[in-house]
C-alpha atoms as a PDB file:
ATOM      1  CA  UNK A   1       0.000   0.000   0.000  1.00  0.00           C
ATOM      2  CA  UNK A   2       1.274   3.492  -0.782  1.00  0.00           C
ATOM      3  CA  UNK A   3       2.458   5.786   2.035  1.00  0.00           C
ATOM      4  CA  UNK A   4      -0.218   7.582   4.011  1.00  0.00           C
ATOM      5  CA  UNK A   5       0.389  11.318   4.388  1.00  0.00           C
ATOM      6  CA  UNK A   6      -1.777  11.865   7.483  1.00  0.00           C
ATOM      7  CA  UNK A   7      -1.115  10.560  10.989  1.00  0.00           C
ATOM      8  CA  UNK A   8      -2.644  10.684  14.443  1.00  0.00           C
ATOM      9  CA  UNK A   9      -1.825   8.874  17.656  1.00  0.00           C
ATOM     10  CA  UNK A  10      -2.967   8.823  21.249  1.00  0.00           C
ATOM     11  CA  UNK A  11      -1.279   7.263  24.251  1.00  0.00           C
ATOM     12  CA  UNK A  12      -2.042   6.785  27.927  1.00  0.00           C
ATOM     13  CA  UNK A  13      -1.054   4.722  30.916  1.00  0.00           C
ATOM     14  CA  UNK A  14      -3.420   1.782  31.434  1.00  0.00           C
ATOM     15  CA  UNK A  15      -3.655   0.164  34.861  1.00  0.00           C
ATOM     16  CA  UNK A  16      -3.186  -3.372  33.539  1.00  0.00           C
ATOM     17  CA  UNK A  17      -0.290  -5.703  32.784  1.00  0.00           C
ATOM     18  CA  UNK A  18       0.660  -6.026  29.102  1.00  0.00           C
ATOM     19  CA  UNK A  19      -0.780  -9.542  28.712  1.00  0.00           C
ATOM     20  CA  UNK A  20      -4.247  -8.517  29.920  1.00  0.00           C
ATOM     21  CA  UNK A  21      -4.207  -5.309  27.893  1.00  0.00           C
ATOM     22  CA  UNK A  22      -3.165  -7.125  24.723  1.00  0.00           C
ATOM     23  CA  UNK A  23      -5.910  -9.740  25.216  1.00  0.00           C
ATOM     24  CA  UNK A  24      -8.479  -6.954  25.630  1.00  0.00           C
ATOM     25  CA  UNK A  25      -7.327  -5.060  22.519  1.00  0.00           C
ATOM     26  CA  UNK A  26      -6.814  -8.203  20.415  1.00  0.00           C
ATOM     27  CA  UNK A  27     -10.602  -8.653  20.474  1.00  0.00           C
ATOM     28  CA  UNK A  28     -11.520  -6.409  17.550  1.00  0.00           C
ATOM     29  CA  UNK A  29     -15.172  -6.298  18.660  1.00  0.00           C
ATOM     30  CA  UNK A  30     -14.034  -4.512  21.835  1.00  0.00           C
ATOM     31  CA  UNK A  31     -11.411  -2.432  20.057  1.00  0.00           C
ATOM     32  CA  UNK A  32     -13.915  -1.154  17.477  1.00  0.00           C
ATOM     33  CA  UNK A  33     -16.844  -0.857  19.863  1.00  0.00           C
ATOM     34  CA  UNK A  34     -16.934   2.938  19.359  1.00  0.00           C
ATOM     35  CA  UNK A  35     -17.937   2.233  15.738  1.00  0.00           C
ATOM     36  CA  UNK A  36     -20.751  -0.165  16.682  1.00  0.00           C
ATOM     37  CA  UNK A  37     -22.507   2.257  19.038  1.00  0.00           C
ATOM     38  CA  UNK A  38     -24.696   5.070  17.815  1.00  0.00           C
ATOM     39  CA  UNK A  39     -23.125   8.449  18.585  1.00  0.00           C
ATOM     40  CA  UNK A  40     -23.079  11.979  17.247  1.00  0.00           C
ATOM     41  CA  UNK A  41     -19.700  11.236  15.578  1.00  0.00           C
ATOM     42  CA  UNK A  42     -21.384   8.344  13.788  1.00  0.00           C
ATOM     43  CA  UNK A  43     -24.252  10.588  12.692  1.00  0.00           C
ATOM     44  CA  UNK A  44     -26.699   8.492  14.673  1.00  0.00           C
ATOM     45  CA  UNK A  45     -25.651   5.405  12.725  1.00  0.00           C
ATOM     46  CA  UNK A  46     -23.447   2.469  13.540  1.00  0.00           C
ATOM     47  CA  UNK A  47     -21.270  -0.124  11.887  1.00  0.00           C
ATOM     48  CA  UNK A  48     -21.441  -3.895  12.225  1.00  0.00           C
ATOM     49  CA  UNK A  49     -18.360  -6.103  12.290  1.00  0.00           C
ATOM     50  CA  UNK A  50     -17.884  -9.397  10.469  1.00  0.00           C
ATOM     51  CA  UNK A  51     -14.906 -11.647  11.130  1.00  0.00           C
ATOM     52  CA  UNK A  52     -13.249 -14.560   9.413  1.00  0.00           C
ATOM     53  CA  UNK A  53     -12.643 -17.749  11.420  1.00  0.00           C
ATOM     54  CA  UNK A  54      -9.559 -16.218  13.122  1.00  0.00           C
ATOM     55  CA  UNK A  55     -11.629 -13.251  14.411  1.00  0.00           C
ATOM     56  CA  UNK A  56      -8.839 -10.799  13.566  1.00  0.00           C
ATOM     57  CA  UNK A  57      -6.415 -12.565  15.881  1.00  0.00           C
ATOM     58  CA  UNK A  58      -3.689 -13.713  13.471  1.00  0.00           C
ATOM     59  CA  UNK A  59      -1.711 -12.208  10.609  1.00  0.00           C
ATOM     60  CA  UNK A  60      -3.767 -12.425   7.414  1.00  0.00           C
ATOM     61  CA  UNK A  61      -7.084 -12.443   9.263  1.00  0.00           C
ATOM     62  CA  UNK A  62      -9.826 -10.303   7.704  1.00  0.00           C
ATOM     63  CA  UNK A  63     -12.309  -7.968   9.340  1.00  0.00           C
ATOM     64  CA  UNK A  64     -15.207  -6.233   7.580  1.00  0.00           C
ATOM     65  CA  UNK A  65     -17.136  -3.221   8.853  1.00  0.00           C
ATOM     66  CA  UNK A  66     -20.350  -2.018   7.225  1.00  0.00           C
ATOM     67  CA  UNK A  67     -23.272   0.172   8.142  1.00  0.00           C
ATOM     68  CA  UNK A  68     -24.712   3.645   7.880  1.00  0.00           C
ATOM     69  CA  UNK A  69     -23.285   6.931   9.057  1.00  0.00           C
ATOM     70  CA  UNK A  70     -25.350  10.100   8.563  1.00  0.00           C
ATOM     71  CA  UNK A  71     -27.687   7.853   6.551  1.00  0.00           C
ATOM     72  CA  UNK A  72     -24.941   6.947   4.033  1.00  0.00           C
ATOM     73  CA  UNK A  73     -23.919   3.319   3.429  1.00  0.00           C
ATOM     74  CA  UNK A  74     -20.263   2.750   4.329  1.00  0.00           C
ATOM     75  CA  UNK A  75     -18.054  -0.341   4.232  1.00  0.00           C
ATOM     76  CA  UNK A  76     -14.460  -1.412   4.449  1.00  0.00           C
ATOM     77  CA  UNK A  77     -12.361  -4.540   4.560  1.00  0.00           C
ATOM     78  CA  UNK A  78      -9.245  -4.829   6.697  1.00  0.00           C
ATOM     79  CA  UNK A  79      -6.450  -7.353   7.057  1.00  0.00           C
ATOM     80  CA  UNK A  80      -4.215  -7.915  10.076  1.00  0.00           C
ATOM     81  CA  UNK A  81      -0.627  -7.321   8.903  1.00  0.00           C
ATOM     82  CA  UNK A  82       1.311  -7.582  12.184  1.00  0.00           C
ATOM     83  CA  UNK A  83       0.535  -9.308  15.451  1.00  0.00           C
ATOM     84  CA  UNK A  84       3.155  -9.601  18.173  1.00  0.00           C
ATOM     85  CA  UNK A  85       1.342 -10.635  21.366  1.00  0.00           C
ATOM     86  CA  UNK A  86       2.023  -8.342  24.320  1.00  0.00           C
ATOM     87  CA  UNK A  87       3.658  -5.673  22.097  1.00  0.00           C
ATOM     88  CA  UNK A  88       1.959  -4.647  18.859  1.00  0.00           C
ATOM     89  CA  UNK A  89      -0.836  -5.262  16.382  1.00  0.00           C
ATOM     90  CA  UNK A  90      -1.393  -3.547  13.018  1.00  0.00           C
ATOM     91  CA  UNK A  91      -4.176  -3.822  10.440  1.00  0.00           C
ATOM     92  CA  UNK A  92      -4.951  -1.955   7.247  1.00  0.00           C
ATOM     93  CA  UNK A  93      -7.691  -1.490   4.731  1.00  0.00           C
ATOM     94  CA  UNK A  94      -7.683  -3.546   1.567  1.00  0.00           C
ATOM     95  CA  UNK A  95      -9.524  -2.804  -1.637  1.00  0.00           C
ATOM     96  CA  UNK A  96     -11.379   0.487  -1.950  1.00  0.00           C
ATOM     97  CA  UNK A  97     -13.010   1.433   1.349  1.00  0.00           C
ATOM     98  CA  UNK A  98     -16.276   3.321   1.134  1.00  0.00           C
ATOM     99  CA  UNK A  99     -15.811   5.915   3.874  1.00  0.00           C
ATOM    100  CA  UNK A 100     -16.774   9.562   4.393  1.00  0.00           C
ATOM    101  CA  UNK A 101     -13.779  11.511   5.708  1.00  0.00           C
ATOM    102  CA  UNK A 102     -10.768   9.215   5.502  1.00  0.00           C
ATOM    103  CA  UNK A 103      -9.652   6.831   2.793  1.00  0.00           C
ATOM    104  CA  UNK A 104      -7.305   3.860   2.993  1.00  0.00           C
ATOM    105  CA  UNK A 105      -5.561   3.556   6.322  1.00  0.00           C
ATOM    106  CA  UNK A 106      -3.123   1.601   8.428  1.00  0.00           C
ATOM    107  CA  UNK A 107      -3.921   1.439  12.130  1.00  0.00           C
ATOM    108  CA  UNK A 108      -2.536  -0.292  15.163  1.00  0.00           C
ATOM    109  CA  UNK A 109      -1.522  -0.253  18.780  1.00  0.00           C
ATOM    110  CA  UNK A 110       1.699  -0.641  20.704  1.00  0.00           C
ATOM    111  CA  UNK A 111       2.056  -1.656  24.337  1.00  0.00           C
ATOM    112  CA  UNK A 112       5.063  -0.909  26.521  1.00  0.00           C
ATOM    113  CA  UNK A 113       5.007  -2.987  29.698  1.00  0.00           C
ATOM    114  CA  UNK A 114       5.740  -1.247  32.966  1.00  0.00           C
ATOM    115  CA  UNK A 115       5.714  -2.675  36.488  1.00  0.00           C
ATOM    116  CA  UNK A 116       1.964  -3.265  36.992  1.00  0.00           C
ATOM    117  CA  UNK A 117       0.786  -0.949  34.229  1.00  0.00           C
ATOM    118  CA  UNK A 118       1.225  -0.547  30.496  1.00  0.00           C
ATOM    119  CA  UNK A 119       1.731   2.399  28.219  1.00  0.00           C
ATOM    120  CA  UNK A 120      -0.717   2.086  25.333  1.00  0.00           C
ATOM    121  CA  UNK A 121      -0.312   3.928  22.059  1.00  0.00           C
ATOM    122  CA  UNK A 122      -2.888   3.754  19.259  1.00  0.00           C
ATOM    123  CA  UNK A 123      -2.008   5.189  15.847  1.00  0.00           C
ATOM    124  CA  UNK A 124      -3.552   5.699  12.433  1.00  0.00           C
ATOM    125  CA  UNK A 125      -1.828   6.584   9.157  1.00  0.00           C
ATOM    126  CA  UNK A 126      -4.363   7.477   6.491  1.00  0.00           C
ATOM    127  CA  UNK A 127      -5.088   9.015   3.129  1.00  0.00           C
ATOM    128  CA  UNK A 128      -8.011  11.221   2.236  1.00  0.00           C
ATOM    129  CA  UNK A 129     -10.798   9.689   0.169  1.00  0.00           C
ATOM    130  CA  UNK A 130     -10.022   9.626  -3.561  1.00  0.00           C
ATOM    131  CA  UNK A 131     -13.078  11.398  -4.986  1.00  0.00           C
ATOM    132  CA  UNK A 132     -15.193  14.462  -4.198  1.00  0.00           C
ATOM    133  CA  UNK A 133     -17.251  15.198  -2.175  1.00  0.00           C
ATOM    134  CA  UNK A 134     -15.708  12.754   0.340  1.00  0.00           C
ATOM    135  CA  UNK A 135     -12.236  14.175  -0.383  1.00  0.00           C
ATOM    136  CA  UNK A 136     -13.440  17.677   0.519  1.00  0.00           C
ATOM    137  CA  UNK A 137     -15.021  16.330   3.692  1.00  0.00           C
ATOM    138  CA  UNK A 138     -11.700  14.649   4.443  1.00  0.00           C
ATOM    139  CA  UNK A 139      -9.843  17.952   4.227  1.00  0.00           C
ATOM    140  CA  UNK A 140     -12.312  19.430   6.708  1.00  0.00           C
ATOM    141  CA  UNK A 141     -12.948  16.540   9.096  1.00  0.00           C
ATOM    142  CA  UNK A 142     -10.408  13.741   8.490  1.00  0.00           C
ATOM    143  CA  UNK A 143      -8.013  14.835  11.224  1.00  0.00           C
ATOM    144  CA  UNK A 144     -10.810  15.298  13.713  1.00  0.00           C
ATOM    145  CA  UNK A 145     -12.226  11.839  12.960  1.00  0.00           C
ATOM    146  CA  UNK A 146      -8.773  10.181  13.179  1.00  0.00           C
ATOM    147  CA  UNK A 147      -8.182  11.801  16.576  1.00  0.00           C
ATOM    148  CA  UNK A 148     -11.629  10.703  17.769  1.00  0.00           C
ATOM    149  CA  UNK A 149     -10.878   7.076  16.797  1.00  0.00           C
ATOM    150  CA  UNK A 150      -7.477   6.876  18.468  1.00  0.00           C
ATOM    151  CA  UNK A 151      -8.784   8.625  21.593  1.00  0.00           C
ATOM    152  CA  UNK A 152     -11.836   6.350  21.802  1.00  0.00           C
ATOM    153  CA  UNK A 153      -9.735   3.185  21.590  1.00  0.00           C
ATOM    154  CA  UNK A 154      -7.318   4.372  24.286  1.00  0.00           C
ATOM    155  CA  UNK A 155     -10.055   5.799  26.514  1.00  0.00           C
ATOM    156  CA  UNK A 156     -12.136   2.605  26.251  1.00  0.00           C
ATOM    157  CA  UNK A 157      -9.133   0.533  27.415  1.00  0.00           C
ATOM    158  CA  UNK A 158      -8.335   2.923  30.280  1.00  0.00           C
ATOM    159  CA  UNK A 159     -11.974   2.905  31.448  1.00  0.00           C
ATOM    160  CA  UNK A 160     -12.310  -0.889  31.141  1.00  0.00           C
ATOM    161  CA  UNK A 161      -9.333  -1.564  33.402  1.00  0.00           C
ATOM    162  CA  UNK A 162     -10.253   1.225  35.839  1.00  0.00           C
ATOM    163  CA  UNK A 163     -13.659  -0.457  36.240  1.00  0.00           C
ATOM    164  CA  UNK A 164     -11.976  -3.860  36.693  1.00  0.00           C
ATOM    165  CA  UNK A 165      -9.755  -2.377  39.384  1.00  0.00           C
ATOM    166  CA  UNK A 166     -12.777  -0.907  41.224  1.00  0.00           C
ATOM    167  CA  UNK A 167     -14.538  -4.288  41.137  1.00  0.00           C
ATOM    168  CA  UNK A 168     -11.460  -6.104  42.435  1.00  0.00           C
ATOM    169  CA  UNK A 169     -10.541  -3.423  44.986  1.00  0.00           C
END
């Protein structure tokens, strides 16, 4: 895939050991849960996720998202390109994604183990959509959407393990 000129990343300390954090994030249904819930960023719509038999948990595994956002049908196919348990996972779009404000992308997370915690970083490298009007929308809103995605994934992990800690404590 050609280089992606746009980038965003978010990081935070998560109160969980690397193995538990990786297991949580390796479940793409949890990782992409912000896309499956109706929200103002999703224009009141939501996406559904379809998995192959590996459920996105091995290199070469495929994940499909489809649904409506602002009443417009969207879809994309992704393939897992890197998976190093406890450290890193990367996936990217394949084919021609039908999206509103970003085009093809490469996304992933990195975990740096610390004593009882982990530093989590989520990144996205992306292109703008190829054709107008989506390309124009990408110029206006692509960066905002990319930041929302990376923040949601990190925030969801932080909140999940904070809730676990409260239950156990």
